[in-house]
Amino acid sequence: MDMRIPLGATFAALLILPLGVLYMNNTALTPPDFGPVAQQPAPAAPVPMAESMLVDAATQRIGVIPMRTQEYGTMPAGGDRFTAFDDNGVMLVADDPVSTFSIDVDTAAYAYVRRMLDMGQLPPPDAVRVEELINYFSYDYAAPQGGVPFETSLAVSPSPWNAENRLIQIGIQGEDMALDTVPPANLVLLIDTSGSMDAPDKLPLLKRAFTLLVNEMGPQDTISIVTYAGSAGVVLEPTPAGEKAKILAALEDLAPGGSTAGAQGIEAAYRLAEQAMIAGGTNRVLLATDGDFNVGLSDPEALEDLIEAKRDRGIFLSVLGFGTGNYHDSVMQALAQAGNGNAAYIDSYSEARKVLVEELGGTLVTIAKDVKIQVEFNPATVSEYRLIGYETRVLDREDFNNDAVDAGDIGAGHSVTALYEITPVGARGAVDPLRYGEAVAAGGGSLDEYGFLKLRYKAPDGDVSTLIETPMLVEGEDSIARADADFATAVAAFGQKLKGSPYLRAMEWADIRALAEAGRGSDPTGRRAEFIRLVDMAASLN
């Protein structure tokens, strides 16, 4: 199963800055089955668009389909758009003991949810990707040692919303890297200057965000600027980042206007990236847009082939999303996930600083690619399990050992968190046992383990994966601090409650708040305190 986010008969989306990224999935993969796209209600009388970026139902490739082509559905002129997906369900270990998924370090969902709550609105359920809420925060996981790119930590705790169950938290901490050791970067800023970007939270905020980035770059780095609106234009040829005044002046002169010829801009951006290619360095196109690709390449296969070819040559594309009203998250997600990228949504200057300054190392340097997780649950100790989040990252069991199957990347200093809810053998589960079914013998496996965790990853320039294996012990000593476990659980509960999950049972907003307070810790950035404020706002809106 391809781990790209589904798109329905609509289109694909954009994301943040750690490596890899446009719609450039491995050619060996079978195109996924894209589900319908959920969206906020459109204005009563939307202005029709001549064209819109849709996904061809036959080829699953990104392309332009006229709005009159009703066979593929239509998209309204207004309203933010998100890919629809079903929550992961409860799985019987006796029937399906293995869970496989790709890691995800995206954070766009949290920033969008925060913005909606700050505006006094509940976010649409499909905008709430629980794993992105959890992974927005940093956790004090053990640092890697011994030359491996990341370290794995585990914790088991009671489920606060179902006393019969347990939560297993998996934490992955990437190797950190000092900025003065980061390889030189060749960055092309591909900026949407179309008419839809004419809003204070779009192009003006975008320019301020990229100003932060430019100020972080060193004299060994190179920056180029390409805009797209009606037709693509090279605003700044490859320029040493030490010439900050020249680069910042080019940014400041940008103005919105015209339609969105995104594909032409991508071609121009890749041309500049190739021109200034740095061997052994970071070569990346940073796409910044609201995702409103309403004019594009007439041949979608040519666009996809271009992206794949440039990725194979070491040029990646990452995405930053801006604005509301016609924010095309579904486009951003599909582009970023297909190209091994991760995504960010920039809703404020402080978020721009988090992504482009505080997390710059992870943004520029990938330490492991195609990272996959597989858990085999022990039928002697676990009767049921449920993966919380990662619905759009689920893989088939056989994909785990297939190095041709695309998966997520980990940037320098990034951490990744995953949560499973399990029902121990003997506890009341969600599914009654069969009267005449074949019972699983209690002695059929070790009683010391809940399951067995396996991870695969490739080196950033490698083609063959490395395997890491870890038992998940019933009575093992937790390697995750209690505060971090509590806080991650509180965020998971928050996301599920926002979505109206049927699995949350007896977990009220006050309970979530209390759990978050217990896990707040020292909170030097204030982000955990901000989360507690969002819990209060969500409670009042409900």
Protein backbone atom coordinates (compact mmCIF):
# COMPACT_ATOMS: atom_id res chain seq x y z
CA MET A 1 0.00 0.00 0.00
CA ASP A 2 1.35 3.41 -0.91
CA MET A 3 1.77 5.67 2.11
CA ARG A 4 0.84 8.85 0.27
CA ILE A 5 -2.08 10.78 1.68
CA PRO A 6 -5.30 10.12 -0.28
CA LEU A 7 -6.73 12.88 -2.41
CA GLY A 8 -10.11 11.97 -3.80
CA ALA A 9 -11.00 13.22 -7.24
CA THR A 10 -9.46 16.53 -6.44
CA PHE A 11 -5.79 17.29 -6.07
CA ALA A 12 -2.63 17.25 -4.00
CA ALA A 13 -0.91 19.50 -1.45
CA LEU A 14 2.25 21.10 -0.16
CA LEU A 15 4.48 21.07 2.92
CA ILE A 16 7.59 22.13 4.99
CA LEU A 17 11.21 21.90 4.69
CA PRO A 18 13.07 18.72 5.56
CA LEU A 19 14.17 17.09 2.31
CA GLY A 20 12.43 15.43 -0.43
CA VAL A 21 9.14 16.44 -1.68
CA LEU A 22 6.90 17.27 -4.55
CA TYR A 23 4.72 14.63 -6.15
CA MET A 24 7.63 12.33 -6.81
CA ASN A 25 6.86 8.93 -5.45
CA ASN A 26 8.81 5.83 -6.33
CA THR A 27 7.88 4.65 -9.79
CA ALA A 28 7.71 1.06 -8.61
CA LEU A 29 4.69 1.82 -6.45
CA THR A 30 1.12 1.25 -7.47
CA PRO A 31 -0.88 4.49 -7.36
CA PRO A 32 -3.04 4.67 -4.23
CA ASP A 33 -6.78 4.69 -3.98
CA PHE A 34 -7.55 8.29 -3.11
CA GLY A 35 -10.63 8.92 -1.01
CA PRO A 36 -12.95 11.92 -1.11
CA VAL A 37 -11.72 15.32 -0.07
CA ALA A 38 -13.38 16.86 2.94
CA GLN A 39 -13.82 20.61 2.93
CA GLN A 40 -15.28 23.44 4.91
CA PRO A 41 -18.57 24.82 3.60
CA ALA A 42 -18.11 26.98 0.53
CA PRO A 43 -19.61 30.47 0.16
CA ALA A 44 -23.23 30.53 -0.88
CA ALA A 45 -22.42 31.79 -4.36
CA PRO A 46 -18.89 30.74 -5.26
CA VAL A 47 -17.19 32.29 -8.21
CA PRO A 48 -16.48 29.50 -10.71
CA MET A 49 -12.86 28.81 -11.60
CA ALA A 50 -11.85 28.00 -15.13
CA GLU A 51 -9.53 25.22 -14.11
CA SER A 52 -8.38 23.52 -10.95
CA MET A 53 -5.62 21.12 -9.99
CA LEU A 54 -7.23 17.72 -9.76
CA VAL A 55 -6.09 14.13 -9.67
CA ASP A 56 -7.01 12.06 -12.68
CA ALA A 57 -8.99 9.08 -11.40
CA ALA A 58 -7.45 6.75 -13.97
CA THR A 59 -3.78 7.61 -13.50
CA GLN A 60 -3.76 9.15 -9.98
CA ARG A 61 -1.36 11.77 -11.32
CA ILE A 62 -1.57 15.43 -10.58
CA GLY A 63 -2.98 17.44 -13.44
CA VAL A 64 -5.33 20.12 -14.61
CA ILE A 65 -8.89 19.05 -15.32
CA PRO A 66 -11.45 21.66 -16.41
CA MET A 67 -14.11 22.35 -13.83
CA ARG A 68 -16.77 21.32 -16.33
CA THR A 69 -15.46 17.73 -16.17
CA GLN A 70 -18.09 16.60 -13.68
CA GLU A 71 -16.95 12.99 -13.94
CA TYR A 72 -14.11 13.79 -11.54
CA GLY A 73 -16.06 16.07 -9.26
CA THR A 74 -15.62 19.81 -8.71
CA MET A 75 -14.00 22.09 -6.20
CA PRO A 76 -15.65 25.26 -4.91
CA ALA A 77 -13.89 28.58 -5.19
CA GLY A 78 -13.89 29.10 -1.43
CA GLY A 79 -13.21 26.96 1.61
CA ASP A 80 -10.15 25.17 2.95
CA ARG A 81 -9.76 21.63 1.63
CA PHE A 82 -8.53 18.53 3.38
CA THR A 83 -8.20 14.91 2.42
CA ALA A 84 -10.87 12.74 3.99
CA PHE A 85 -9.78 9.62 5.85
CA ASP A 86 -11.22 7.13 8.33
CA ASP A 87 -9.69 6.68 11.76
CA ASN A 88 -7.71 3.51 12.36
CA GLY A 89 -9.93 0.84 13.82
CA VAL A 90 -9.41 -1.81 16.46
CA MET A 91 -7.50 -4.81 15.11
CA LEU A 92 -7.73 -8.36 16.48
CA VAL A 93 -4.28 -9.79 17.10
CA ALA A 94 -5.56 -13.26 16.29
CA ASP A 95 -6.51 -12.08 12.79
CA ASP A 96 -3.95 -9.38 12.03
CA PRO A 97 -1.01 -9.30 14.45
CA VAL A 98 1.27 -7.01 12.39
CA SER A 99 1.01 -3.22 12.05
CA THR A 100 3.19 -1.35 9.53
CA PHE A 101 3.45 2.35 8.80
CA SER A 102 5.80 5.08 7.63
CA ILE A 103 7.06 7.67 10.10
CA ASP A 104 5.77 11.22 9.82
CA VAL A 105 7.37 14.39 11.17
CA ASP A 106 4.84 16.79 9.64
CA THR A 107 3.36 19.46 11.90
CA ALA A 108 0.97 21.34 9.60
CA ALA A 109 -2.17 19.98 11.26
CA TYR A 110 -1.30 21.38 14.70
CA ALA A 111 -0.64 24.90 13.42
CA TYR A 112 -3.89 24.86 11.43
CA VAL A 113 -5.91 23.56 14.40
CA ARG A 114 -4.41 26.26 16.61
CA ARG A 115 -5.34 28.93 14.11
CA MET A 116 -8.94 27.74 13.87
CA LEU A 117 -9.34 27.65 17.64
CA ASP A 118 -7.79 31.11 17.96
CA MET A 119 -10.39 32.29 15.44
CA GLY A 120 -13.16 30.85 17.64
CA GLN A 121 -13.89 27.93 15.31
CA LEU A 122 -13.61 24.19 15.64
CA PRO A 123 -11.45 22.71 12.87
CA PRO A 124 -13.00 20.29 10.38
CA PRO A 125 -12.35 16.70 11.53
CA ASP A 126 -10.21 15.84 8.52
CA ALA A 127 -7.88 18.73 9.36
CA VAL A 128 -6.98 16.95 12.61
CA ARG A 129 -4.21 14.44 11.96
CA VAL A 130 -3.44 13.25 15.47
CA GLU A 131 0.16 12.19 14.81
CA GLU A 132 0.97 15.71 13.55
CA LEU A 133 -0.42 17.19 16.75
CA ILE A 134 1.73 14.86 18.87
CA ASN A 135 4.86 15.40 16.77
CA TYR A 136 4.56 19.18 16.93
CA PHE A 137 6.17 19.00 20.38
CA SER A 138 9.68 17.99 21.35
CA TYR A 139 10.23 15.25 23.92
CA ASP A 140 13.25 14.38 26.02
CA TYR A 141 13.99 11.07 24.33
CA ALA A 142 17.40 9.44 24.66
CA ALA A 143 19.94 10.67 22.11
CA PRO A 144 21.44 8.17 19.65
CA GLN A 145 24.86 6.70 20.33
CA GLY A 146 27.26 4.40 18.56
CA GLY A 147 27.03 5.88 15.08
CA VAL A 148 23.33 5.16 14.46
CA PRO A 149 21.19 8.08 13.22
CA PHE A 150 18.46 7.71 15.84
CA GLU A 151 17.57 6.05 19.13
CA THR A 152 14.31 4.30 20.05
CA SER A 153 12.57 4.70 23.42
CA LEU A 154 9.49 2.90 24.79
CA ALA A 155 6.95 3.38 27.57
CA VAL A 156 3.81 1.50 28.66
CA SER A 157 1.11 3.21 30.72
CA PRO A 158 -2.60 2.79 31.54
CA SER A 159 -4.99 4.32 29.02
CA PRO A 160 -6.68 7.33 30.64
CA TRP A 161 -9.82 6.88 28.53
CA ASN A 162 -10.24 3.12 28.98
CA ALA A 163 -9.08 1.54 32.22
CA GLU A 164 -9.02 -1.92 30.60
CA ASN A 165 -6.37 -0.89 28.08
CA ARG A 166 -2.72 0.16 27.94
CA LEU A 167 -0.88 2.71 25.82
CA ILE A 168 2.47 1.88 24.25
CA GLN A 169 4.49 4.97 23.32
CA ILE A 170 7.29 4.66 20.77
CA GLY A 171 9.74 7.54 20.65
CA ILE A 172 12.41 8.02 17.98
CA GLN A 173 15.06 10.71 18.49
CA GLY A 174 17.19 11.78 15.57
CA GLU A 175 20.84 12.71 15.91
CA ASP A 176 21.27 16.44 16.42
CA MET A 177 23.68 18.51 14.40
CA ALA A 178 25.28 21.86 15.15
CA LEU A 179 24.54 24.46 12.49
CA ASP A 180 28.23 25.10 11.91
CA THR A 181 28.58 21.46 10.80
CA VAL A 182 25.63 21.54 8.39
CA PRO A 183 26.76 21.09 4.76
CA PRO A 184 26.41 24.10 2.43
CA ALA A 185 22.88 24.66 1.16
CA ASN A 186 21.65 25.52 -2.32
CA LEU A 187 18.11 26.77 -1.78
CA VAL A 188 15.61 27.93 -4.38
CA LEU A 189 12.66 29.81 -2.90
CA LEU A 190 9.68 29.06 -5.14
CA ILE A 191 7.09 31.64 -4.12
CA ASP A 192 3.43 31.84 -5.04
CA THR A 193 2.68 35.49 -5.91
CA SER A 194 -0.76 34.83 -7.43
CA GLY A 195 -3.80 36.91 -6.60
CA SER A 196 -4.93 34.41 -3.97
CA MET A 197 -1.83 35.33 -1.93
CA ASP A 198 -3.02 38.93 -1.48
CA ALA A 199 -3.79 38.74 2.25
CA PRO A 200 -1.83 39.75 5.37
CA ASP A 201 -1.43 36.11 6.45
CA LYS A 202 -0.14 35.02 3.05
CA LEU A 203 2.47 36.88 0.98
CA PRO A 204 3.39 39.51 3.63
CA LEU A 205 3.84 36.78 6.26
CA LEU A 206 5.68 34.64 3.72
CA LYS A 207 8.20 37.43 3.08
CA ARG A 208 8.83 37.88 6.80
CA ALA A 209 9.26 34.12 7.21
CA PHE A 210 11.82 33.88 4.44
CA THR A 211 13.63 36.90 5.86
CA LEU A 212 14.21 34.79 8.98
CA LEU A 213 15.58 31.99 6.83
CA VAL A 214 17.90 34.25 4.84
CA ASN A 215 19.34 35.68 8.04
CA GLU A 216 20.22 32.15 9.20
CA MET A 217 22.13 31.28 6.03
CA GLY A 218 25.91 31.55 5.85
CA PRO A 219 28.25 32.82 3.12
CA GLN A 220 28.83 29.25 1.87
CA ASP A 221 25.10 28.92 1.05
CA THR A 222 23.32 29.97 -2.15
CA ILE A 223 19.81 31.39 -2.49
CA SER A 224 17.68 31.86 -5.61
CA ILE A 225 14.13 33.18 -5.94
CA VAL A 226 11.49 32.14 -8.47
CA THR A 227 7.90 33.38 -8.48
CA TYR A 228 4.87 32.01 -10.25
CA ALA A 229 1.69 33.90 -11.09
CA GLY A 230 0.38 33.58 -14.62
CA SER A 231 3.92 32.82 -15.77
CA ALA A 232 7.05 31.91 -13.88
CA GLY A 233 9.75 34.50 -13.33
CA VAL A 234 13.30 34.36 -12.01
CA VAL A 235 13.49 37.16 -9.45
CA LEU A 236 16.98 36.31 -8.20
CA GLU A 237 19.63 34.21 -9.89
CA PRO A 238 21.74 31.98 -7.58
CA THR A 239 23.29 34.41 -5.11
CA PRO A 240 25.71 33.85 -2.20
CA ALA A 241 23.72 34.06 1.03
CA GLY A 242 26.29 36.54 2.33
CA GLU A 243 24.72 39.15 0.03
CA LYS A 244 21.77 39.46 2.38
CA ALA A 245 20.78 42.99 1.42
CA LYS A 246 20.37 41.99 -2.22
CA ILE A 247 18.33 38.88 -1.35
CA LEU A 248 16.10 40.68 1.15
CA ALA A 249 15.45 43.50 -1.31
CA ALA A 250 14.30 40.95 -3.90
CA LEU A 251 11.94 39.43 -1.35
CA GLU A 252 10.55 42.80 -0.31
CA ASP A 253 9.72 43.74 -3.90
CA LEU A 254 7.40 40.76 -4.38
CA ALA A 255 3.74 41.63 -4.99
CA PRO A 256 0.66 39.46 -5.60
CA GLY A 257 -1.24 39.28 -8.87
CA GLY A 258 -2.35 36.88 -11.60
CA SER A 259 -3.32 33.23 -11.70
CA THR A 260 -1.17 30.38 -10.43
CA ALA A 261 1.09 28.69 -12.96
CA GLY A 262 2.69 26.42 -10.39
CA ALA A 263 4.11 23.82 -12.74
CA GLN A 264 6.03 26.41 -14.76
CA GLY A 265 7.49 27.78 -11.56
CA ILE A 266 8.64 24.34 -10.51
CA GLU A 267 10.44 23.85 -13.79
CA ALA A 268 12.23 27.20 -13.45
CA ALA A 269 13.12 26.48 -9.82
CA TYR A 270 14.67 23.14 -10.67
CA ARG A 271 16.64 24.75 -13.46
CA LEU A 272 18.22 27.19 -11.01
CA ALA A 273 18.79 24.47 -8.41
CA GLU A 274 20.64 22.42 -10.97
CA GLN A 275 22.65 25.44 -12.09
CA ALA A 276 23.89 26.06 -8.53
CA MET A 277 24.14 22.39 -7.51
CA ILE A 278 26.44 21.78 -4.52
CA ALA A 279 28.02 18.33 -4.50
CA GLY A 280 27.68 16.82 -1.03
CA GLY A 281 25.47 19.71 0.10
CA THR A 282 21.77 20.33 0.54
CA ASN A 283 20.00 21.10 -2.73
CA ARG A 284 16.36 21.92 -2.22
CA VAL A 285 13.44 23.85 -3.63
CA LEU A 286 11.26 25.44 -0.93
CA LEU A 287 7.73 25.87 -2.24
CA ALA A 288 5.65 28.46 -0.35
CA THR A 289 1.99 28.79 -1.27
CA ASP A 290 -1.62 28.60 -0.13
CA GLY A 291 -1.88 25.56 -2.38
CA ASP A 292 -4.25 27.14 -4.88
CA PHE A 293 -2.80 25.57 -8.03
CA ASN A 294 -5.54 26.51 -10.48
CA VAL A 295 -3.39 26.62 -13.62
CA GLY A 296 -0.69 24.09 -14.33
CA LEU A 297 1.18 21.83 -16.68
CA SER A 298 -1.06 20.39 -19.37
CA ASP A 299 0.76 17.05 -19.17
CA PRO A 300 0.68 15.82 -15.54
CA GLU A 301 2.90 12.85 -16.35
CA ALA A 302 5.63 15.23 -17.51
CA LEU A 303 5.43 17.10 -14.20
CA GLU A 304 5.70 13.93 -12.17
CA ASP A 305 8.56 12.63 -14.30
CA LEU A 306 10.39 15.94 -13.84
CA ILE A 307 10.10 15.77 -10.06
CA GLU A 308 11.22 12.16 -9.88
CA ALA A 309 14.21 12.81 -12.15
CA LYS A 310 15.34 15.81 -10.08
CA ARG A 311 14.90 13.92 -6.83
CA ASP A 312 17.08 11.12 -8.16
CA ARG A 313 19.71 13.74 -8.97
CA GLY A 314 19.67 14.95 -5.36
CA ILE A 315 17.34 17.97 -5.63
CA PHE A 316 14.38 17.85 -3.27
CA LEU A 317 11.27 19.93 -2.82
CA SER A 318 9.67 20.96 0.47
CA VAL A 319 6.52 22.98 1.14
CA LEU A 320 5.27 25.73 3.44
CA GLY A 321 1.54 26.45 3.56
CA PHE A 322 -0.02 29.85 4.29
CA GLY A 323 -3.44 31.35 4.84
CA THR A 324 -7.07 30.31 5.13
CA GLY A 325 -10.14 30.60 2.95
CA ASN A 326 -8.78 28.60 0.04
CA TYR A 327 -5.99 26.71 1.77
CA HIS A 328 -5.42 23.48 -0.16
CA ASP A 329 -3.98 21.22 2.49
CA SER A 330 -4.84 18.17 0.40
CA VAL A 331 -2.57 19.39 -2.42
CA MET A 332 0.24 20.14 0.00
CA GLN A 333 0.04 16.79 1.76
CA ALA A 334 0.08 14.77 -1.45
CA LEU A 335 3.04 16.62 -2.93
CA ALA A 336 5.08 16.45 0.26
CA GLN A 337 4.35 12.84 1.16
CA ALA A 338 4.85 11.59 -2.37
CA GLY A 339 8.27 13.17 -2.41
CA ASN A 340 9.42 12.08 1.09
CA GLY A 341 8.92 15.60 2.37
CA ASN A 342 7.29 16.85 5.51
CA ALA A 343 5.06 19.84 5.75
CA ALA A 344 4.51 22.92 7.88
CA TYR A 345 1.70 25.42 8.03
CA ILE A 346 2.85 28.94 8.86
CA ASP A 347 0.09 30.77 10.71
CA SER A 348 2.23 33.33 12.52
CA TYR A 349 5.66 34.90 12.76
CA SER A 350 6.43 32.75 15.81
CA GLU A 351 5.62 29.59 13.85
CA ALA A 352 7.89 30.78 11.05
CA ARG A 353 10.66 31.20 13.61
CA LYS A 354 10.05 27.68 14.98
CA VAL A 355 10.26 26.08 11.54
CA LEU A 356 12.94 28.21 9.89
CA VAL A 357 15.20 29.09 12.82
CA GLU A 358 14.78 26.74 15.77
CA GLU A 359 14.39 23.62 13.63
CA LEU A 360 16.60 24.71 10.75
CA GLY A 361 19.00 21.77 11.12
CA GLY A 362 16.17 19.29 10.67
CA THR A 363 14.84 21.35 7.84
CA LEU A 364 18.08 21.32 5.88
CA VAL A 365 19.69 17.98 6.78
CA THR A 366 18.16 14.52 6.45
CA ILE A 367 19.86 11.89 8.62
CA ALA A 368 17.70 8.89 7.60
CA LYS A 369 15.24 8.30 4.79
CA ASP A 370 12.48 5.79 4.05
CA VAL A 371 11.97 5.10 7.77
CA LYS A 372 9.33 2.45 8.43
CA ILE A 373 7.95 0.96 11.64
CA GLN A 374 6.52 -2.53 12.03
CA VAL A 375 5.10 -3.98 15.23
CA GLU A 376 4.19 -7.63 15.68
CA PHE A 377 1.85 -8.04 18.66
CA ASN A 378 2.06 -11.08 20.91
CA PRO A 379 -1.26 -13.01 20.99
CA ALA A 380 -0.33 -14.43 24.39
CA THR A 381 -0.47 -10.96 25.99
CA VAL A 382 -2.42 -8.71 23.59
CA SER A 383 -5.89 -9.39 22.18
CA GLU A 384 -6.51 -6.09 20.34
CA TYR A 385 -4.57 -3.01 19.26
CA ARG A 386 -5.20 0.33 17.60
CA LEU A 387 -2.65 2.68 16.04
CA ILE A 388 -3.53 6.25 17.03
CA GLY A 389 -3.11 8.46 13.97
CA TYR A 390 -0.89 7.78 10.94
CA GLU A 391 -3.95 6.84 8.90
CA THR A 392 -2.41 8.31 5.76
CA ARG A 393 0.91 6.57 6.39
CA VAL A 394 -0.22 2.97 6.78
CA LEU A 395 1.73 0.41 4.72
CA ASP A 396 1.09 -3.17 3.74
CA ARG A 397 2.96 -5.78 5.73
CA GLU A 398 5.14 -6.76 2.79
CA ASP A 399 6.13 -3.13 2.20
CA PHE A 400 8.34 -3.20 5.27
CA ASN A 401 11.06 -5.31 3.66
CA ASN A 402 10.65 -3.79 0.20
CA ASP A 403 13.31 -1.12 -0.19
CA ALA A 404 11.55 0.16 -3.30
CA VAL A 405 8.61 1.35 -1.18
CA ASP A 406 8.76 5.01 -0.25
CA ALA A 407 8.52 6.14 3.38
CA GLY A 408 9.25 9.17 5.56
CA ASP A 409 12.49 10.95 6.40
CA ILE A 410 14.00 12.10 9.69
CA GLY A 411 15.88 15.39 9.82
CA ALA A 412 18.69 16.27 12.18
CA GLY A 413 17.33 16.68 15.70
CA HIS A 414 13.81 15.58 14.79
CA SER A 415 11.83 13.35 17.12
CA VAL A 416 8.93 11.10 16.12
CA THR A 417 6.26 9.70 18.42
CA ALA A 418 3.74 6.92 17.83
CA LEU A 419 1.07 5.58 20.20
CA TYR A 420 -0.69 2.24 20.20
CA GLU A 421 -3.67 1.47 22.41
CA ILE A 422 -3.70 -2.23 23.30
CA THR A 423 -6.13 -4.52 25.11
CA PRO A 424 -4.29 -7.09 27.23
CA VAL A 425 -5.43 -10.69 27.07
CA GLY A 426 -8.18 -11.22 29.65
CA ALA A 427 -9.41 -7.62 29.56
CA ARG A 428 -12.72 -6.67 27.98
CA GLY A 429 -12.08 -5.71 24.37
CA ALA A 430 -14.03 -3.97 21.68
CA VAL A 431 -14.79 -7.24 19.88
CA ASP A 432 -16.32 -10.31 21.52
CA PRO A 433 -14.46 -13.59 20.97
CA LEU A 434 -16.03 -16.12 18.60
CA ARG A 435 -17.92 -18.98 20.22
CA TYR A 436 -16.74 -21.43 17.59
CA GLY A 437 -13.57 -19.70 16.47
CA GLU A 438 -10.11 -21.10 17.02
CA ALA A 439 -8.87 -19.78 20.36
CA VAL A 440 -5.34 -18.48 20.73
CA ALA A 441 -3.50 -20.55 23.33
CA ALA A 442 -2.35 -18.43 26.24
CA GLY A 443 0.94 -20.25 26.26
CA GLY A 444 1.55 -19.74 22.56
CA GLY A 445 4.06 -16.96 23.10
CA SER A 446 6.25 -15.31 25.69
CA LEU A 447 4.33 -13.66 28.52
CA ASP A 448 7.16 -11.15 28.96
CA GLU A 449 6.49 -9.23 25.73
CA TYR A 450 3.59 -7.22 24.39
CA GLY A 451 5.17 -7.33 20.98
CA PHE A 452 8.26 -6.86 18.88
CA LEU A 453 9.24 -3.55 17.30
CA LYS A 454 11.20 -3.36 14.04
CA LEU A 455 12.43 -0.27 12.20
CA ARG A 456 13.99 0.07 8.78
CA TYR A 457 15.83 3.09 7.44
CA LYS A 458 18.27 4.05 4.72
CA ALA A 459 21.20 6.41 4.86
CA PRO A 460 20.41 9.74 3.13
CA ASP A 461 22.37 8.64 0.04
CA GLY A 462 21.74 4.90 0.40
CA ASP A 463 19.54 2.43 -1.44
CA VAL A 464 19.65 -0.52 0.99
CA SER A 465 17.87 -0.36 4.35
CA THR A 466 19.20 -1.18 7.81
CA LEU A 467 17.08 -3.09 10.35
CA ILE A 468 16.72 -2.28 14.08
CA GLU A 469 14.78 -4.62 16.39
CA THR A 470 13.51 -4.08 19.95
CA PRO A 471 11.20 -6.22 22.15
CA MET A 472 8.28 -4.39 23.80
CA LEU A 473 8.42 -5.76 27.35
CA VAL A 474 5.42 -6.10 29.65
CA GLU A 475 7.42 -5.31 32.79
CA GLY A 476 10.33 -3.49 31.18
CA GLU A 477 11.64 -0.22 32.58
CA ASP A 478 10.24 2.73 30.65
CA SER A 479 12.84 4.76 28.78
CA ILE A 480 10.48 7.72 28.34
CA ALA A 481 10.03 10.26 31.15
CA ARG A 482 6.61 10.15 32.81
CA ALA A 483 5.97 13.83 31.99
CA ASP A 484 6.62 13.26 28.29
CA ALA A 485 4.38 10.18 28.26
CA ASP A 486 1.58 12.09 29.99
CA PHE A 487 1.84 15.06 27.67
CA ALA A 488 1.90 12.99 24.47
CA THR A 489 -1.14 11.09 25.75
CA ALA A 490 -2.95 14.35 26.48
CA VAL A 491 -2.28 15.60 22.94
CA ALA A 492 -3.51 12.30 21.50
CA ALA A 493 -6.70 12.56 23.56
CA PHE A 494 -7.17 16.19 22.47
CA GLY A 495 -6.92 15.28 18.80
CA GLN A 496 -9.27 12.34 19.10
CA LYS A 497 -11.84 14.38 21.00
CA LEU A 498 -11.71 17.17 18.40
CA LYS A 499 -12.43 14.53 15.75
CA GLY A 500 -15.26 13.03 17.78
CA SER A 501 -13.53 9.66 18.05
CA PRO A 502 -15.77 6.86 19.38
CA TYR A 503 -12.76 5.31 21.13
CA LEU A 504 -12.24 8.05 23.69
CA ARG A 505 -15.08 6.97 25.98
CA ALA A 506 -14.89 8.62 29.41
CA MET A 507 -12.36 11.38 28.75
CA GLU A 508 -13.60 14.92 29.29
CA TRP A 509 -11.85 18.17 28.38
CA ALA A 510 -11.04 18.73 32.05
CA ASP A 511 -9.35 15.32 32.18
CA ILE A 512 -7.26 16.16 29.12
CA ARG A 513 -6.26 19.47 30.66
CA ALA A 514 -5.24 17.83 33.94
CA LEU A 515 -3.14 15.25 32.09
CA ALA A 516 -1.45 17.98 30.05
CA GLU A 517 -0.73 19.95 33.23
CA ALA A 518 0.84 16.84 34.75
CA GLY A 519 3.09 16.51 31.71
CA ARG A 520 3.88 20.19 31.23
CA GLY A 521 7.32 20.02 32.87
CA SER A 522 9.70 22.96 32.62
CA ASP A 523 8.32 24.03 29.20
CA PRO A 524 11.08 26.49 28.19
CA THR A 525 9.38 27.39 24.88
CA GLY A 526 5.92 27.85 26.40
CA ARG A 527 4.39 25.60 23.75
CA ARG A 528 2.98 23.12 26.24
CA ALA A 529 1.31 25.99 28.10
CA GLU A 530 -0.10 27.16 24.77
CA PHE A 531 -1.52 23.69 24.20
CA ILE A 532 -3.31 23.81 27.56
CA ARG A 533 -4.85 27.12 26.46
CA LEU A 534 -6.07 25.43 23.26
CA VAL A 535 -7.68 22.67 25.33
CA ASP A 536 -9.62 25.34 27.23
CA MET A 537 -10.71 27.01 24.00
CA ALA A 538 -11.84 23.73 22.46
CA ALA A 539 -13.82 22.94 25.60
CA SER A 540 -15.62 26.28 25.46
CA LEU A 541 -16.42 25.89 21.75
CA ASN A 542 -17.84 22.42 22.35
